[in-house]
């Protein structure tokens, strides 16, 4: 693994490289080959603008394979119950003892890759739509970071003159959310004024909506709704106001408006299909097996499982996931025993879909908020949207199923099986005020299935609500810091190099209200729980 320095050092290096601020002012001209265009020529064709916008898009869910692996497959994915590692690492996120360089990767790289691009875009363009999209993308990127760590540098990074520096103090997570919601409102105001802008204006620079500003506007409102629901336990008054405003303005309601990032080559596919370091987690497979969920063939590959037929043991195609937090001695012996996600080099990256947004509205309605429908209807609409996304019918029958429950985990390797299922929640809605918590579990569980593989979002919702109920990790190397039987990991901690190189790290830790470790809850993690 490549060693990574602190945010401050890495950012300084990135500014020098990207900004070309070396002592030789004409460095680019001296080193430019005759057939290469210079920055002015690129600028005339708006290639610089396109490169920065597309670069920012590639960081919302990281498209670089190593960065995707660290954040999505190694850290947030296991914590969400989505993925498990089968490489024989003994120090890793899912056993709560990642190595120092792994900790650096999940923290430093997003900052050091995002802000040179963001700074370049501010320098290159005064187009209000381009700036609004950049602002929206920064929120989308950094929202995931604050939901993994808590306090981060944010509001002071861009100064009044448009300069950018990471050598600034941290913001509390509450202040980060406040600033992000303000910036989403600012971006939305511009997008709303340009809903009918010709798609050709940004089509070449936009691999999500291909220049359709009306769809970006819905995405921005949907992101506001996501953040509002996240605040529901810590600040329900503001949460309701933000959520209702977002829904009234217009959120994603159709799969045609889903936020997918299309790429020339999905580099994440090599992580599962080439490197074979990871497989689908036991948790999501157990839920979907128990529900006999028809989406499984669209989401997961099959494996050969033993089954009794007429008293004989036979091999049948089925679905099995890997238990999170196990130690694997030889991945070649287990890689064909657990399912892979269905992902190919041409697959797009999912940011947000209509099903998730409609589940968000269902939860808001369950809480008594005005969400454009009642909770039961929105819940069932969300399930139908998920089925439609995969080209399936039968959502009504699935949503009415009041019998099937999650399956107990049966390890095909016969090592880590668990006798009882993690939850007994059924699918069908139950009427009555006394069913609030059960229906909340239904909403979050079905949303968790529908938004696979949005790892950071799924892990965040688990921490906020305690749903879906997940199996404890098999091996817990946190030295007693995290009691996984009571509460799984609540956040990632700052890497050791930040303590050596970042003068503001102490104030960041003070903002946490607890120790800088995986047991300290984030600002919005305030659901009332029994001691």
Foldseek 3Di string as FASTA:
>chain_A
DDADFDQQVLQVVLCCVLVVPDPPPCVCVVPDDPPDDDPVVCLVVPVLLLVLLLLLVCQLQPQPQVLNCLPQAFALCVLLLWKAFQPQDPATRLQFGHDQRSLCSPQRPSSNSNVSSLLSNVVSDPPLLSNLSSLLSVLSNCVLVCQFAFWAQDDPQQDPVRHGHRLDFIDGNVVSLVVSLVSLVVSLVVLVVCQPPDLVVCQSSDQWLSSRSVLVNQDSLLVQLLSLLLQCQQCVVVSLVSNQVSLVVHHAQAQVSFGWGWDPFRSNVCVCVPVVRMFTGQQLQQFCVLLVPPCDVVWKAWAWFWDADPNDTDTDTDAGHDFHADRHDDSVVCSRQHIHTPDGGRGTHGDGGNLLSLLSLLLCLLVVHPNPDHNQVSLLSSQVNLCVNSPHDDSVVSQQDPPGAGHFHDRRVRPDTDDDRQDGQGRYDDDDNVCSLSVNQNSLASSSNSRPPPRSSSSSVCLQNVPDRDDFHPNHPNVPPDPSVVPPFAHAFRRPSCVVPRPNVVVNQVSQVDGRGRVRHHSSSRDDDDD
